[in-house]
PDB file of N, CA and C in Angstrom:
ATOM      1  N   UNK A   1      -9.440 -28.804  -8.841  1.00  0.00           N
ATOM      2  CA  UNK A   1      -9.011 -27.928  -7.777  1.00  0.00           C
ATOM      3  C   UNK A   1     -10.241 -27.258  -7.192  1.00  0.00           C
ATOM      4  N   UNK A   2     -10.345 -27.270  -5.884  1.00  0.00           N
ATOM      5  CA  UNK A   2     -11.532 -26.766  -5.208  1.00  0.00           C
ATOM      6  C   UNK A   2     -11.622 -25.237  -5.293  1.00  0.00           C
ATOM      7  N   UNK A   3     -10.508 -24.543  -5.117  1.00  0.00           N
ATOM      8  CA  UNK A   3     -10.513 -23.096  -5.130  1.00  0.00           C
ATOM      9  C   UNK A   3      -9.609 -22.573  -6.235  1.00  0.00           C
ATOM     10  N   UNK A   4     -10.040 -21.516  -6.879  1.00  0.00           N
ATOM     11  CA  UNK A   4      -9.203 -20.918  -7.905  1.00  0.00           C
ATOM     12  C   UNK A   4      -8.169 -20.012  -7.246  1.00  0.00           C
ATOM     13  N   UNK A   5      -7.165 -19.601  -8.002  1.00  0.00           N
ATOM     14  CA  UNK A   5      -6.152 -18.697  -7.464  1.00  0.00           C
ATOM     15  C   UNK A   5      -6.789 -17.398  -6.992  1.00  0.00           C
ATOM     16  N   UNK A   6      -7.756 -16.920  -7.738  1.00  0.00           N
ATOM     17  CA  UNK A   6      -8.426 -15.659  -7.385  1.00  0.00           C
ATOM     18  C   UNK A   6      -9.180 -15.786  -6.056  1.00  0.00           C
ATOM     19  N   UNK A   7      -9.858 -16.913  -5.861  1.00  0.00           N
ATOM     20  CA  UNK A   7     -10.583 -17.135  -4.605  1.00  0.00           C
ATOM     21  C   UNK A   7      -9.628 -17.189  -3.412  1.00  0.00           C
ATOM     22  N   UNK A   8      -8.502 -17.875  -3.590  1.00  0.00           N
ATOM     23  CA  UNK A   8      -7.517 -17.959  -2.518  1.00  0.00           C
ATOM     24  C   UNK A   8      -6.920 -16.590  -2.207  1.00  0.00           C
ATOM     25  N   UNK A   9      -6.686 -15.791  -3.261  1.00  0.00           N
ATOM     26  CA  UNK A   9      -6.160 -14.432  -3.072  1.00  0.00           C
ATOM     27  C   UNK A   9      -7.158 -13.575  -2.293  1.00  0.00           C
ATOM     28  N   UNK A  10      -8.429 -13.664  -2.651  1.00  0.00           N
ATOM     29  CA  UNK A  10      -9.465 -12.888  -1.964  1.00  0.00           C
ATOM     30  C   UNK A  10      -9.568 -13.288  -0.490  1.00  0.00           C
ATOM     31  N   UNK A  11      -9.493 -14.584  -0.208  1.00  0.00           N
ATOM     32  CA  UNK A  11      -9.532 -15.051   1.175  1.00  0.00           C
ATOM     33  C   UNK A  11      -8.358 -14.508   1.975  1.00  0.00           C
ATOM     34  N   UNK A  12      -7.173 -14.562   1.380  1.00  0.00           N
ATOM     35  CA  UNK A  12      -5.963 -14.076   2.045  1.00  0.00           C
ATOM     36  C   UNK A  12      -6.044 -12.568   2.275  1.00  0.00           C
ATOM     37  N   UNK A  13      -6.547 -11.834   1.281  1.00  0.00           N
ATOM     38  CA  UNK A  13      -6.683 -10.380   1.389  1.00  0.00           C
ATOM     39  C   UNK A  13      -7.625  -9.986   2.517  1.00  0.00           C
ATOM     40  N   UNK A  14      -8.770 -10.636   2.605  1.00  0.00           N
ATOM     41  CA  UNK A  14      -9.740 -10.329   3.651  1.00  0.00           C
ATOM     42  C   UNK A  14      -9.241 -10.743   5.028  1.00  0.00           C
ATOM     43  N   UNK A  15      -8.527 -11.865   5.107  1.00  0.00           N
ATOM     44  CA  UNK A  15      -7.971 -12.309   6.382  1.00  0.00           C
ATOM     45  C   UNK A  15      -6.958 -11.292   6.916  1.00  0.00           C
ATOM     46  N   UNK A  16      -6.079 -10.804   6.053  1.00  0.00           N
ATOM     47  CA  UNK A  16      -5.081  -9.812   6.456  1.00  0.00           C
ATOM     48  C   UNK A  16      -5.762  -8.514   6.873  1.00  0.00           C
ATOM     49  N   UNK A  17      -6.708  -8.045   6.088  1.00  0.00           N
ATOM     50  CA  UNK A  17      -7.371  -6.767   6.365  1.00  0.00           C
ATOM     51  C   UNK A  17      -8.169  -6.826   7.666  1.00  0.00           C
ATOM     52  N   UNK A  18      -8.874  -7.921   7.914  1.00  0.00           N
ATOM     53  CA  UNK A  18      -9.675  -8.022   9.132  1.00  0.00           C
ATOM     54  C   UNK A  18      -8.810  -8.087  10.382  1.00  0.00           C
ATOM     55  N   UNK A  19      -7.681  -8.784  10.314  1.00  0.00           N
ATOM     56  CA  UNK A  19      -6.771  -8.822  11.460  1.00  0.00           C
ATOM     57  C   UNK A  19      -6.209  -7.439  11.739  1.00  0.00           C
ATOM     58  N   UNK A  20      -5.821  -6.725  10.704  1.00  0.00           N
ATOM     59  CA  UNK A  20      -5.258  -5.383  10.878  1.00  0.00           C
ATOM     60  C   UNK A  20      -6.304  -4.402  11.380  1.00  0.00           C
ATOM     61  N   UNK A  21      -7.514  -4.535  10.916  1.00  0.00           N
ATOM     62  CA  UNK A  21      -8.592  -3.616  11.306  1.00  0.00           C
ATOM     63  C   UNK A  21      -8.875  -3.710  12.808  1.00  0.00           C
ATOM     64  N   UNK A  22      -8.794  -4.915  13.368  1.00  0.00           N
ATOM     65  CA  UNK A  22      -9.036  -5.094  14.801  1.00  0.00           C
ATOM     66  C   UNK A  22      -7.968  -4.402  15.632  1.00  0.00           C
ATOM     67  N   UNK A  23      -6.728  -4.480  15.206  1.00  0.00           N
ATOM     68  CA  UNK A  23      -5.610  -3.950  15.976  1.00  0.00           C
ATOM     69  C   UNK A  23      -5.451  -2.443  15.801  1.00  0.00           C
ATOM     70  N   UNK A  24      -5.731  -1.929  14.629  1.00  0.00           N
ATOM     71  CA  UNK A  24      -5.423  -0.539  14.287  1.00  0.00           C
ATOM     72  C   UNK A  24      -6.664   0.313  14.086  1.00  0.00           C
ATOM     73  N   UNK A  25      -7.620   0.192  14.934  1.00  0.00           N
ATOM     74  CA  UNK A  25      -8.861   0.953  14.786  1.00  0.00           C
ATOM     75  C   UNK A  25      -8.579   2.450  14.876  1.00  0.00           C
ATOM     76  N   UNK A  26      -9.159   3.195  13.963  1.00  0.00           N
ATOM     77  CA  UNK A  26      -9.036   4.646  13.985  1.00  0.00           C
ATOM     78  C   UNK A  26      -7.841   5.193  13.227  1.00  0.00           C
ATOM     79  N   UNK A  27      -6.918   4.336  12.781  1.00  0.00           N
ATOM     80  CA  UNK A  27      -5.755   4.804  12.027  1.00  0.00           C
ATOM     81  C   UNK A  27      -6.030   4.741  10.531  1.00  0.00           C
ATOM     82  N   UNK A  28      -5.249   5.472   9.779  1.00  0.00           N
ATOM     83  CA  UNK A  28      -5.353   5.484   8.326  1.00  0.00           C
ATOM     84  C   UNK A  28      -4.703   4.216   7.774  1.00  0.00           C
ATOM     85  N   UNK A  29      -5.263   3.687   6.702  1.00  0.00           N
ATOM     86  CA  UNK A  29      -4.762   2.455   6.093  1.00  0.00           C
ATOM     87  C   UNK A  29      -3.934   2.776   4.856  1.00  0.00           C
ATOM     88  N   UNK A  30      -2.742   2.213   4.765  1.00  0.00           N
ATOM     89  CA  UNK A  30      -1.889   2.326   3.589  1.00  0.00           C
ATOM     90  C   UNK A  30      -2.081   1.056   2.779  1.00  0.00           C
ATOM     91  N   UNK A  31      -2.876   1.141   1.737  1.00  0.00           N
ATOM     92  CA  UNK A  31      -3.267  -0.031   0.964  1.00  0.00           C
ATOM     93  C   UNK A  31      -2.444  -0.121  -0.321  1.00  0.00           C
ATOM     94  N   UNK A  32      -1.902  -1.302  -0.586  1.00  0.00           N
ATOM     95  CA  UNK A  32      -1.033  -1.525  -1.745  1.00  0.00           C
ATOM     96  C   UNK A  32      -1.721  -2.431  -2.745  1.00  0.00           C
ATOM     97  N   UNK A  33      -1.579  -2.093  -4.028  1.00  0.00           N
ATOM     98  CA  UNK A  33      -2.020  -2.987  -5.095  1.00  0.00           C
ATOM     99  C   UNK A  33      -0.870  -3.151  -6.070  1.00  0.00           C
ATOM    100  N   UNK A  34      -0.575  -4.388  -6.394  1.00  0.00           N
ATOM    101  CA  UNK A  34       0.524  -4.699  -7.299  1.00  0.00           C
ATOM    102  C   UNK A  34      -0.021  -5.501  -8.468  1.00  0.00           C
ATOM    103  N   UNK A  35       0.337  -5.088  -9.665  1.00  0.00           N
ATOM    104  CA  UNK A  35      -0.011  -5.862 -10.846  1.00  0.00           C
ATOM    105  C   UNK A  35       1.278  -6.215 -11.569  1.00  0.00           C
ATOM    106  N   UNK A  36       1.171  -6.863 -12.695  1.00  0.00           N
ATOM    107  CA  UNK A  36       2.368  -7.216 -13.445  1.00  0.00           C
ATOM    108  C   UNK A  36       3.050  -5.989 -14.043  1.00  0.00           C
ATOM    109  N   UNK A  37       2.284  -4.934 -14.310  1.00  0.00           N
ATOM    110  CA  UNK A  37       2.856  -3.757 -14.957  1.00  0.00           C
ATOM    111  C   UNK A  37       3.039  -2.569 -14.021  1.00  0.00           C
ATOM    112  N   UNK A  38       2.258  -2.449 -12.968  1.00  0.00           N
ATOM    113  CA  UNK A  38       2.281  -1.265 -12.118  1.00  0.00           C
ATOM    114  C   UNK A  38       2.151  -1.631 -10.648  1.00  0.00           C
ATOM    115  N   UNK A  39       2.467  -0.641  -9.815  1.00  0.00           N
ATOM    116  CA  UNK A  39       2.229  -0.757  -8.378  1.00  0.00           C
ATOM    117  C   UNK A  39       1.614   0.561  -7.933  1.00  0.00           C
ATOM    118  N   UNK A  40       0.587   0.475  -7.094  1.00  0.00           N
ATOM    119  CA  UNK A  40      -0.073   1.686  -6.625  1.00  0.00           C
ATOM    120  C   UNK A  40      -0.347   1.560  -5.138  1.00  0.00           C
ATOM    121  N   UNK A  41      -0.469   2.709  -4.480  1.00  0.00           N
ATOM    122  CA  UNK A  41      -0.677   2.744  -3.040  1.00  0.00           C
ATOM    123  C   UNK A  41      -1.622   3.901  -2.729  1.00  0.00           C
ATOM    124  N   UNK A  42      -2.473   3.703  -1.717  1.00  0.00           N
ATOM    125  CA  UNK A  42      -3.424   4.728  -1.296  1.00  0.00           C
ATOM    126  C   UNK A  42      -3.428   4.833   0.215  1.00  0.00           C
ATOM    127  N   UNK A  43      -3.605   6.039   0.712  1.00  0.00           N
ATOM    128  CA  UNK A  43      -3.867   6.264   2.129  1.00  0.00           C
ATOM    129  C   UNK A  43      -5.367   6.447   2.264  1.00  0.00           C
ATOM    130  N   UNK A  44      -6.026   5.546   2.985  1.00  0.00           N
ATOM    131  CA  UNK A  44      -7.481   5.518   3.048  1.00  0.00           C
ATOM    132  C   UNK A  44      -7.941   5.708   4.491  1.00  0.00           C
ATOM    133  N   UNK A  45      -8.901   6.601   4.675  1.00  0.00           N
ATOM    134  CA  UNK A  45      -9.560   6.768   5.967  1.00  0.00           C
ATOM    135  C   UNK A  45     -10.840   5.936   5.904  1.00  0.00           C
ATOM    136  N   UNK A  46     -10.843   4.795   6.586  1.00  0.00           N
ATOM    137  CA  UNK A  46     -11.983   3.877   6.508  1.00  0.00           C
ATOM    138  C   UNK A  46     -13.201   4.403   7.250  1.00  0.00           C
ATOM    139  N   UNK A  47     -13.011   5.273   8.225  1.00  0.00           N
ATOM    140  CA  UNK A  47     -14.146   5.816   8.973  1.00  0.00           C
ATOM    141  C   UNK A  47     -15.001   6.690   8.064  1.00  0.00           C
ATOM    142  N   UNK A  48     -14.351   7.593   7.324  1.00  0.00           N
ATOM    143  CA  UNK A  48     -15.079   8.480   6.419  1.00  0.00           C
ATOM    144  C   UNK A  48     -15.247   7.879   5.024  1.00  0.00           C
ATOM    145  N   UNK A  49     -14.437   6.882   4.710  1.00  0.00           N
ATOM    146  CA  UNK A  49     -14.533   6.234   3.410  1.00  0.00           C
ATOM    147  C   UNK A  49     -13.952   7.064   2.281  1.00  0.00           C
ATOM    148  N   UNK A  50     -12.835   7.767   2.550  1.00  0.00           N
ATOM    149  CA  UNK A  50     -12.224   8.609   1.527  1.00  0.00           C
ATOM    150  C   UNK A  50     -10.741   8.268   1.386  1.00  0.00           C
ATOM    151  N   UNK A  51     -10.217   8.509   0.187  1.00  0.00           N
ATOM    152  CA  UNK A  51      -8.800   8.380  -0.072  1.00  0.00           C
ATOM    153  C   UNK A  51      -8.146   9.722   0.187  1.00  0.00           C
ATOM    154  N   UNK A  52      -7.142   9.750   1.050  1.00  0.00           N
ATOM    155  CA  UNK A  52      -6.483  10.990   1.439  1.00  0.00           C
ATOM    156  C   UNK A  52      -5.296  11.313   0.542  1.00  0.00           C
ATOM    157  N   UNK A  53      -4.591  10.301   0.073  1.00  0.00           N
ATOM    158  CA  UNK A  53      -3.444  10.494  -0.820  1.00  0.00           C
ATOM    159  C   UNK A  53      -3.218   9.204  -1.596  1.00  0.00           C
ATOM    160  N   UNK A  54      -2.603   9.341  -2.751  1.00  0.00           N
ATOM    161  CA  UNK A  54      -2.328   8.168  -3.582  1.00  0.00           C
ATOM    162  C   UNK A  54      -1.076   8.405  -4.409  1.00  0.00           C
ATOM    163  N   UNK A  55      -0.440   7.315  -4.803  1.00  0.00           N
ATOM    164  CA  UNK A  55       0.718   7.367  -5.695  1.00  0.00           C
ATOM    165  C   UNK A  55       0.748   6.073  -6.503  1.00  0.00           C
ATOM    166  N   UNK A  56       1.258   6.173  -7.725  1.00  0.00           N
ATOM    167  CA  UNK A  56       1.267   5.011  -8.597  1.00  0.00           C
ATOM    168  C   UNK A  56       2.343   5.164  -9.666  1.00  0.00           C
ATOM    169  N   UNK A  57       2.788   4.045 -10.220  1.00  0.00           N
ATOM    170  CA  UNK A  57       3.736   4.098 -11.327  1.00  0.00           C
ATOM    171  C   UNK A  57       3.047   4.504 -12.628  1.00  0.00           C
ATOM    172  N   UNK A  58       1.744   4.673 -12.596  1.00  0.00           N
ATOM    173  CA  UNK A  58       1.036   5.144 -13.781  1.00  0.00           C
ATOM    174  C   UNK A  58       1.148   6.658 -13.944  1.00  0.00           C
ATOM    175  N   UNK A  59       1.651   7.360 -12.925  1.00  0.00           N
ATOM    176  CA  UNK A  59       1.877   8.794 -13.025  1.00  0.00           C
ATOM    177  C   UNK A  59       3.149   9.045 -13.832  1.00  0.00           C
ATOM    178  N   UNK A  60       3.178  10.153 -14.555  1.00  0.00           N
ATOM    179  CA  UNK A  60       4.316  10.424 -15.436  1.00  0.00           C
ATOM    180  C   UNK A  60       5.632  10.562 -14.681  1.00  0.00           C
ATOM    181  N   UNK A  61       5.621  11.255 -13.540  1.00  0.00           N
ATOM    182  CA  UNK A  61       6.881  11.475 -12.825  1.00  0.00           C
ATOM    183  C   UNK A  61       7.371  10.236 -12.082  1.00  0.00           C
ATOM    184  N   UNK A  62       6.517   9.251 -11.861  1.00  0.00           N
ATOM    185  CA  UNK A  62       6.911   8.016 -11.180  1.00  0.00           C
ATOM    186  C   UNK A  62       6.993   6.832 -12.126  1.00  0.00           C
ATOM    187  N   UNK A  63       6.726   7.070 -13.417  1.00  0.00           N
ATOM    188  CA  UNK A  63       6.682   5.977 -14.394  1.00  0.00           C
ATOM    189  C   UNK A  63       8.062   5.371 -14.586  1.00  0.00           C
ATOM    190  N   UNK A  64       8.067   4.151 -14.961  1.00  0.00           N
ATOM    191  CA  UNK A  64       9.305   3.413 -15.213  1.00  0.00           C
ATOM    192  C   UNK A  64       8.971   1.946 -15.335  1.00  0.00           C
ATOM    193  N   UNK A  65       9.999   1.141 -15.268  1.00  0.00           N
ATOM    194  CA  UNK A  65       9.777  -0.299 -15.290  1.00  0.00           C
ATOM    195  C   UNK A  65       9.133  -0.717 -13.979  1.00  0.00           C
ATOM    196  N   UNK A  66       8.454  -1.822 -13.992  1.00  0.00           N
ATOM    197  CA  UNK A  66       7.825  -2.333 -12.772  1.00  0.00           C
ATOM    198  C   UNK A  66       8.849  -3.183 -12.031  1.00  0.00           C
ATOM    199  N   UNK A  67       9.664  -2.500 -11.222  1.00  0.00           N
ATOM    200  CA  UNK A  67      10.691  -3.202 -10.481  1.00  0.00           C
ATOM    201  C   UNK A  67      10.821  -2.592  -9.093  1.00  0.00           C
ATOM    202  N   UNK A  68      11.812  -3.035  -8.349  1.00  0.00           N
ATOM    203  CA  UNK A  68      11.997  -2.588  -6.972  1.00  0.00           C
ATOM    204  C   UNK A  68      12.288  -1.087  -6.913  1.00  0.00           C
ATOM    205  N   UNK A  69      13.069  -0.586  -7.876  1.00  0.00           N
ATOM    206  CA  UNK A  69      13.396   0.845  -7.879  1.00  0.00           C
ATOM    207  C   UNK A  69      12.143   1.693  -8.056  1.00  0.00           C
ATOM    208  N   UNK A  70      11.245   1.285  -8.918  1.00  0.00           N
ATOM    209  CA  UNK A  70       9.988   2.018  -9.114  1.00  0.00           C
ATOM    210  C   UNK A  70       9.134   1.973  -7.850  1.00  0.00           C
ATOM    211  N   UNK A  71       9.127   0.831  -7.185  1.00  0.00           N
ATOM    212  CA  UNK A  71       8.364   0.703  -5.946  1.00  0.00           C
ATOM    213  C   UNK A  71       8.931   1.628  -4.875  1.00  0.00           C
ATOM    214  N   UNK A  72      10.257   1.781  -4.837  1.00  0.00           N
ATOM    215  CA  UNK A  72      10.870   2.694  -3.882  1.00  0.00           C
ATOM    216  C   UNK A  72      10.484   4.138  -4.172  1.00  0.00           C
ATOM    217  N   UNK A  73      10.408   4.509  -5.444  1.00  0.00           N
ATOM    218  CA  UNK A  73       9.980   5.863  -5.815  1.00  0.00           C
ATOM    219  C   UNK A  73       8.545   6.121  -5.359  1.00  0.00           C
ATOM    220  N   UNK A  74       7.684   5.139  -5.548  1.00  0.00           N
ATOM    221  CA  UNK A  74       6.281   5.272  -5.150  1.00  0.00           C
ATOM    222  C   UNK A  74       6.174   5.372  -3.626  1.00  0.00           C
ATOM    223  N   UNK A  75       6.970   4.602  -2.900  1.00  0.00           N
ATOM    224  CA  UNK A  75       6.976   4.662  -1.438  1.00  0.00           C
ATOM    225  C   UNK A  75       7.421   6.016  -0.933  1.00  0.00           C
ATOM    226  N   UNK A  76       8.452   6.580  -1.549  1.00  0.00           N
ATOM    227  CA  UNK A  76       8.919   7.909  -1.154  1.00  0.00           C
ATOM    228  C   UNK A  76       7.872   8.969  -1.473  1.00  0.00           C
ATOM    229  N   UNK A  77       7.204   8.819  -2.612  1.00  0.00           N
ATOM    230  CA  UNK A  77       6.178   9.785  -3.011  1.00  0.00           C
ATOM    231  C   UNK A  77       4.984   9.756  -2.058  1.00  0.00           C
ATOM    232  N   UNK A  78       4.555   8.567  -1.633  1.00  0.00           N
ATOM    233  CA  UNK A  78       3.401   8.495  -0.734  1.00  0.00           C
ATOM    234  C   UNK A  78       3.758   9.046   0.641  1.00  0.00           C
ATOM    235  N   UNK A  79       5.013   8.873   1.077  1.00  0.00           N
ATOM    236  CA  UNK A  79       5.429   9.443   2.357  1.00  0.00           C
ATOM    237  C   UNK A  79       5.394  10.968   2.302  1.00  0.00           C
ATOM    238  N   UNK A  80       5.845  11.518   1.198  1.00  0.00           N
ATOM    239  CA  UNK A  80       5.829  12.977   1.019  1.00  0.00           C
ATOM    240  C   UNK A  80       4.404  13.509   0.968  1.00  0.00           C
ATOM    241  N   UNK A  81       3.529  12.829   0.254  1.00  0.00           N
ATOM    242  CA  UNK A  81       2.128  13.259   0.145  1.00  0.00           C
ATOM    243  C   UNK A  81       1.393  13.092   1.466  1.00  0.00           C
ATOM    244  N   UNK A  82       1.783  12.101   2.250  1.00  0.00           N
ATOM    245  CA  UNK A  82       1.177  11.904   3.567  1.00  0.00           C
ATOM    246  C   UNK A  82       1.539  13.069   4.486  1.00  0.00           C
ATOM    247  N   UNK A  83       2.777  13.518   4.427  1.00  0.00           N
ATOM    248  CA  UNK A  83       3.193  14.664   5.240  1.00  0.00           C
ATOM    249  C   UNK A  83       2.400  15.914   4.861  1.00  0.00           C
ATOM    250  N   UNK A  84       2.195  16.111   3.567  1.00  0.00           N
ATOM    251  CA  UNK A  84       1.414  17.267   3.106  1.00  0.00           C
ATOM    252  C   UNK A  84      -0.022  17.184   3.599  1.00  0.00           C
ATOM    253  N   UNK A  85      -0.559  15.966   3.699  1.00  0.00           N
ATOM    254  CA  UNK A  85      -1.938  15.773   4.153  1.00  0.00           C
ATOM    255  C   UNK A  85      -2.034  15.760   5.682  1.00  0.00           C
ATOM    256  N   UNK A  86      -0.892  15.842   6.373  1.00  0.00           N
ATOM    257  CA  UNK A  86      -0.899  15.865   7.830  1.00  0.00           C
ATOM    258  C   UNK A  86      -0.994  14.500   8.471  1.00  0.00           C
ATOM    259  N   UNK A  87      -0.571  13.466   7.768  1.00  0.00           N
ATOM    260  CA  UNK A  87      -0.633  12.094   8.277  1.00  0.00           C
ATOM    261  C   UNK A  87       0.784  11.662   8.640  1.00  0.00           C
ATOM    262  N   UNK A  88       0.962  11.211   9.873  1.00  0.00           N
ATOM    263  CA  UNK A  88       2.284  10.774  10.316  1.00  0.00           C
ATOM    264  C   UNK A  88       2.366   9.268  10.501  1.00  0.00           C
ATOM    265  N   UNK A  89       1.224   8.615  10.768  1.00  0.00           N
ATOM    266  CA  UNK A  89       1.260   7.174  10.953  1.00  0.00           C
ATOM    267  C   UNK A  89       0.059   6.517  10.292  1.00  0.00           C
ATOM    268  N   UNK A  90       0.293   5.306   9.828  1.00  0.00           N
ATOM    269  CA  UNK A  90      -0.747   4.523   9.166  1.00  0.00           C
ATOM    270  C   UNK A  90      -0.430   3.049   9.414  1.00  0.00           C
ATOM    271  N   UNK A  91      -1.378   2.200   9.106  1.00  0.00           N
ATOM    272  CA  UNK A  91      -1.069   0.775   9.160  1.00  0.00           C
ATOM    273  C   UNK A  91      -0.996   0.231   7.749  1.00  0.00           C
ATOM    274  N   UNK A  92      -0.063  -0.688   7.536  1.00  0.00           N
ATOM    275  CA  UNK A  92       0.271  -1.196   6.215  1.00  0.00           C
ATOM    276  C   UNK A  92      -0.615  -2.382   5.871  1.00  0.00           C
ATOM    277  N   UNK A  93      -1.436  -2.214   4.844  1.00  0.00           N
ATOM    278  CA  UNK A  93      -2.309  -3.279   4.363  1.00  0.00           C
ATOM    279  C   UNK A  93      -1.719  -3.815   3.063  1.00  0.00           C
ATOM    280  N   UNK A  94      -1.078  -4.977   3.156  1.00  0.00           N
ATOM    281  CA  UNK A  94      -0.437  -5.546   1.976  1.00  0.00           C
ATOM    282  C   UNK A  94      -1.438  -6.264   1.083  1.00  0.00           C
ATOM    283  N   UNK A  95      -2.676  -6.328   1.501  1.00  0.00           N
ATOM    284  CA  UNK A  95      -3.677  -7.042   0.727  1.00  0.00           C
ATOM    285  C   UNK A  95      -3.384  -8.524   0.747  1.00  0.00           C
ATOM    286  N   UNK A  96      -3.479  -9.175  -0.374  1.00  0.00           N
ATOM    287  CA  UNK A  96      -3.186 -10.598  -0.464  1.00  0.00           C
ATOM    288  C   UNK A  96      -1.780 -10.860  -0.955  1.00  0.00           C
ATOM    289  N   UNK A  97      -0.974  -9.802  -1.084  1.00  0.00           N
ATOM    290  CA  UNK A  97       0.374  -9.940  -1.615  1.00  0.00           C
ATOM    291  C   UNK A  97       1.357 -10.287  -0.497  1.00  0.00           C
ATOM    292  N   UNK A  98       2.340 -11.081  -0.806  1.00  0.00           N
ATOM    293  CA  UNK A  98       3.365 -11.434   0.160  1.00  0.00           C
ATOM    294  C   UNK A  98       4.267 -10.236   0.410  1.00  0.00           C
ATOM    295  N   UNK A  99       4.793 -10.134   1.619  1.00  0.00           N
ATOM    296  CA  UNK A  99       5.619  -8.997   2.001  1.00  0.00           C
ATOM    297  C   UNK A  99       7.081  -9.277   1.622  1.00  0.00           C
ATOM    298  N   UNK A 100       7.368  -9.157   0.337  1.00  0.00           N
ATOM    299  CA  UNK A 100       8.736  -9.261  -0.153  1.00  0.00           C
ATOM    300  C   UNK A 100       8.801  -8.610  -1.521  1.00  0.00           C
ATOM    301  N   UNK A 101       9.981  -8.363  -2.010  1.00  0.00           N
ATOM    302  CA  UNK A 101      10.144  -7.780  -3.336  1.00  0.00           C
ATOM    303  C   UNK A 101       9.641  -6.355  -3.407  1.00  0.00           C
ATOM    304  N   UNK A 102       8.766  -6.091  -4.367  1.00  0.00           N
ATOM    305  CA  UNK A 102       8.271  -4.731  -4.599  1.00  0.00           C
ATOM    306  C   UNK A 102       7.429  -4.198  -3.450  1.00  0.00           C
ATOM    307  N   UNK A 103       6.639  -5.044  -2.825  1.00  0.00           N
ATOM    308  CA  UNK A 103       5.792  -4.608  -1.710  1.00  0.00           C
ATOM    309  C   UNK A 103       6.666  -4.198  -0.524  1.00  0.00           C
ATOM    310  N   UNK A 104       7.685  -4.973  -0.232  1.00  0.00           N
ATOM    311  CA  UNK A 104       8.596  -4.658   0.857  1.00  0.00           C
ATOM    312  C   UNK A 104       9.395  -3.393   0.559  1.00  0.00           C
ATOM    313  N   UNK A 105       9.839  -3.232  -0.679  1.00  0.00           N
ATOM    314  CA  UNK A 105      10.601  -2.044  -1.063  1.00  0.00           C
ATOM    315  C   UNK A 105       9.756  -0.783  -0.908  1.00  0.00           C
ATOM    316  N   UNK A 106       8.482  -0.867  -1.265  1.00  0.00           N
ATOM    317  CA  UNK A 106       7.575   0.271  -1.105  1.00  0.00           C
ATOM    318  C   UNK A 106       7.417   0.624   0.369  1.00  0.00           C
ATOM    319  N   UNK A 107       7.209  -0.364   1.215  1.00  0.00           N
ATOM    320  CA  UNK A 107       7.031  -0.118   2.649  1.00  0.00           C
ATOM    321  C   UNK A 107       8.290   0.482   3.265  1.00  0.00           C
ATOM    322  N   UNK A 108       9.448  -0.053   2.903  1.00  0.00           N
ATOM    323  CA  UNK A 108      10.701   0.463   3.453  1.00  0.00           C
ATOM    324  C   UNK A 108      10.947   1.904   3.027  1.00  0.00           C
ATOM    325  N   UNK A 109      10.657   2.228   1.775  1.00  0.00           N
ATOM    326  CA  UNK A 109      10.840   3.600   1.286  1.00  0.00           C
ATOM    327  C   UNK A 109       9.888   4.562   1.985  1.00  0.00           C
ATOM    328  N   UNK A 110       8.660   4.113   2.251  1.00  0.00           N
ATOM    329  CA  UNK A 110       7.703   4.963   2.975  1.00  0.00           C
ATOM    330  C   UNK A 110       8.175   5.210   4.400  1.00  0.00           C
ATOM    331  N   UNK A 111       8.744   4.196   5.030  1.00  0.00           N
ATOM    332  CA  UNK A 111       9.289   4.355   6.385  1.00  0.00           C
ATOM    333  C   UNK A 111      10.467   5.327   6.386  1.00  0.00           C
ATOM    334  N   UNK A 112      11.343   5.207   5.395  1.00  0.00           N
ATOM    335  CA  UNK A 112      12.491   6.111   5.302  1.00  0.00           C
ATOM    336  C   UNK A 112      12.051   7.539   5.040  1.00  0.00           C
ATOM    337  N   UNK A 113      10.911   7.700   4.368  1.00  0.00           N
ATOM    338  CA  UNK A 113      10.369   9.023   4.080  1.00  0.00           C
ATOM    339  C   UNK A 113       9.705   9.678   5.288  1.00  0.00           C
ATOM    340  N   UNK A 114       9.622   8.967   6.403  1.00  0.00           N
ATOM    341  CA  UNK A 114       9.080   9.541   7.629  1.00  0.00           C
ATOM    342  C   UNK A 114       7.699   9.071   8.027  1.00  0.00           C
ATOM    343  N   UNK A 115       7.105   8.176   7.257  1.00  0.00           N
ATOM    344  CA  UNK A 115       5.782   7.657   7.581  1.00  0.00           C
ATOM    345  C   UNK A 115       5.938   6.479   8.541  1.00  0.00           C
ATOM    346  N   UNK A 116       5.232   6.513   9.656  1.00  0.00           N
ATOM    347  CA  UNK A 116       5.298   5.432  10.634  1.00  0.00           C
ATOM    348  C   UNK A 116       4.299   4.350  10.239  1.00  0.00           C
ATOM    349  N   UNK A 117       4.831   3.204   9.874  1.00  0.00           N
ATOM    350  CA  UNK A 117       3.981   2.086   9.447  1.00  0.00           C
ATOM    351  C   UNK A 117       4.143   0.971  10.463  1.00  0.00           C
TER     352      UNK A 117
END
């Protein structure tokens, strides 16, 4: 096999991020990372290079099984923290992950929480 799974994932992640960066210049990025055990999300200001807010299933109040319900809790939490930080809109960076299952549930919960994605 010419490319490993990791190489293909990295290519897909960079392709998605570069396309989004061209369209959404100046907006905050909502970046998602999903592993087999946890899901985490960050609001990142790429201009200043700082994380403005974050949420993860590794936190005690959001801990649980790694499933759609946990992803919805994390999405609601990041929407609430974004409001506290004064952020109303961001662009959704799914990384190299497909937009279904836990990633989609997180995005939908963030939208329901009032964050414009």
